[in-house]
Amino acid sequence: MASLFIPNLNPVYQESRYFDARVDNKIPSEQYDEENAKEYYNNAEDILKWIAKKLKTSLC
């Protein structure tokens, strides 16, 4: 499941983390709107839930 979201989030992370990785030289507030931000946030949240679930099962 997480593998579905990671390819979408990786470029967003890199562009926001490393300013020289931006393709169009826009700052994040110019590049993403509220709808994009919510989608990326929800995807990241789903990944964190998936990781927490995997950690719980591996520790038992």
C-alpha atoms as a PDB file:
ATOM      1  CA  MET A   1       0.000   0.000   0.000  1.00  0.00           C
ATOM      2  CA  ALA A   2       2.675   2.511   0.956  1.00  0.00           C
ATOM      3  CA  SER A   3       4.467   1.788  -2.307  1.00  0.00           C
ATOM      4  CA  LEU A   4       1.552   3.450  -4.105  1.00  0.00           C
ATOM      5  CA  PHE A   5       2.132   6.784  -2.364  1.00  0.00           C
ATOM      6  CA  ILE A   6       5.907   6.953  -2.020  1.00  0.00           C
ATOM      7  CA  PRO A   7       6.635   7.649  -5.716  1.00  0.00           C
ATOM      8  CA  ASN A   8       4.208  10.599  -5.554  1.00  0.00           C
ATOM      9  CA  LEU A   9       5.675  12.023  -2.356  1.00  0.00           C
ATOM     10  CA  ASN A  10       9.371  11.626  -3.124  1.00  0.00           C
ATOM     11  CA  PRO A  11       9.630  14.491  -5.658  1.00  0.00           C
ATOM     12  CA  VAL A  12       7.567  16.738  -3.376  1.00  0.00           C
ATOM     13  CA  TYR A  13       9.897  15.992  -0.475  1.00  0.00           C
ATOM     14  CA  GLN A  14      13.024  16.592  -2.518  1.00  0.00           C
ATOM     15  CA  GLU A  15      11.784  19.856  -3.993  1.00  0.00           C
ATOM     16  CA  SER A  16      10.737  21.201  -0.598  1.00  0.00           C
ATOM     17  CA  ARG A  17      13.886  19.990   1.169  1.00  0.00           C
ATOM     18  CA  TYR A  18      16.514  20.825  -1.439  1.00  0.00           C
ATOM     19  CA  PHE A  19      15.877  24.183  -3.075  1.00  0.00           C
ATOM     20  CA  ASP A  20      18.189  23.406  -5.993  1.00  0.00           C
ATOM     21  CA  ALA A  21      16.124  20.319  -6.879  1.00  0.00           C
ATOM     22  CA  ARG A  22      13.202  22.448  -8.065  1.00  0.00           C
ATOM     23  CA  VAL A  23      12.536  22.118 -11.748  1.00  0.00           C
ATOM     24  CA  ASP A  24      10.595  25.329 -12.291  1.00  0.00           C
ATOM     25  CA  ASN A  25      12.231  27.485  -9.585  1.00  0.00           C
ATOM     26  CA  LYS A  26       8.913  28.164  -7.867  1.00  0.00           C
ATOM     27  CA  ILE A  27       8.725  28.232  -4.098  1.00  0.00           C
ATOM     28  CA  PRO A  28       6.439  25.541  -2.625  1.00  0.00           C
ATOM     29  CA  SER A  29       3.663  28.030  -1.790  1.00  0.00           C
ATOM     30  CA  GLU A  30       3.504  28.949  -5.489  1.00  0.00           C
ATOM     31  CA  GLN A  31       3.776  25.386  -6.699  1.00  0.00           C
ATOM     32  CA  TYR A  32       1.088  23.647  -4.626  1.00  0.00           C
ATOM     33  CA  ASP A  33      -2.466  24.575  -3.810  1.00  0.00           C
ATOM     34  CA  GLU A  34      -4.567  23.505  -0.836  1.00  0.00           C
ATOM     35  CA  GLU A  35      -5.945  20.477  -2.659  1.00  0.00           C
ATOM     36  CA  ASN A  36      -2.423  19.203  -3.454  1.00  0.00           C
ATOM     37  CA  ALA A  37      -1.288  19.824   0.100  1.00  0.00           C
ATOM     38  CA  LYS A  38      -4.205  17.863   1.557  1.00  0.00           C
ATOM     39  CA  GLU A  39      -3.588  14.973  -0.831  1.00  0.00           C
ATOM     40  CA  TYR A  40       0.118  14.796   0.036  1.00  0.00           C
ATOM     41  CA  TYR A  41      -0.622  15.137   3.748  1.00  0.00           C
ATOM     42  CA  ASN A  42      -3.165  12.305   3.645  1.00  0.00           C
ATOM     43  CA  ASN A  43      -0.774  10.103   1.670  1.00  0.00           C
ATOM     44  CA  ALA A  44       2.007  10.737   4.184  1.00  0.00           C
ATOM     45  CA  GLU A  45      -0.363  10.000   7.049  1.00  0.00           C
ATOM     46  CA  ASP A  46      -1.362   6.697   5.421  1.00  0.00           C
ATOM     47  CA  ILE A  47       2.303   5.749   5.046  1.00  0.00           C
ATOM     48  CA  LEU A  48       2.985   6.510   8.716  1.00  0.00           C
ATOM     49  CA  LYS A  49      -0.010   4.394   9.769  1.00  0.00           C
ATOM     50  CA  TRP A  50       1.231   1.545   7.575  1.00  0.00           C
ATOM     51  CA  ILE A  51       4.712   1.787   9.137  1.00  0.00           C
ATOM     52  CA  ALA A  52       3.274   1.820  12.668  1.00  0.00           C
ATOM     53  CA  LYS A  53       1.202  -1.261  11.867  1.00  0.00           C
ATOM     54  CA  LYS A  54       4.245  -3.079  10.459  1.00  0.00           C
ATOM     55  CA  LEU A  55       6.313  -2.168  13.520  1.00  0.00           C
ATOM     56  CA  LYS A  56       3.650  -3.477  15.883  1.00  0.00           C
ATOM     57  CA  THR A  57       3.449  -6.820  14.087  1.00  0.00           C
ATOM     58  CA  SER A  58       7.204  -7.214  13.884  1.00  0.00           C
ATOM     59  CA  LEU A  59       7.671  -6.541  17.614  1.00  0.00           C
ATOM     60  CA  CYS A  60       5.128  -9.161  18.700  1.00  0.00           C
END
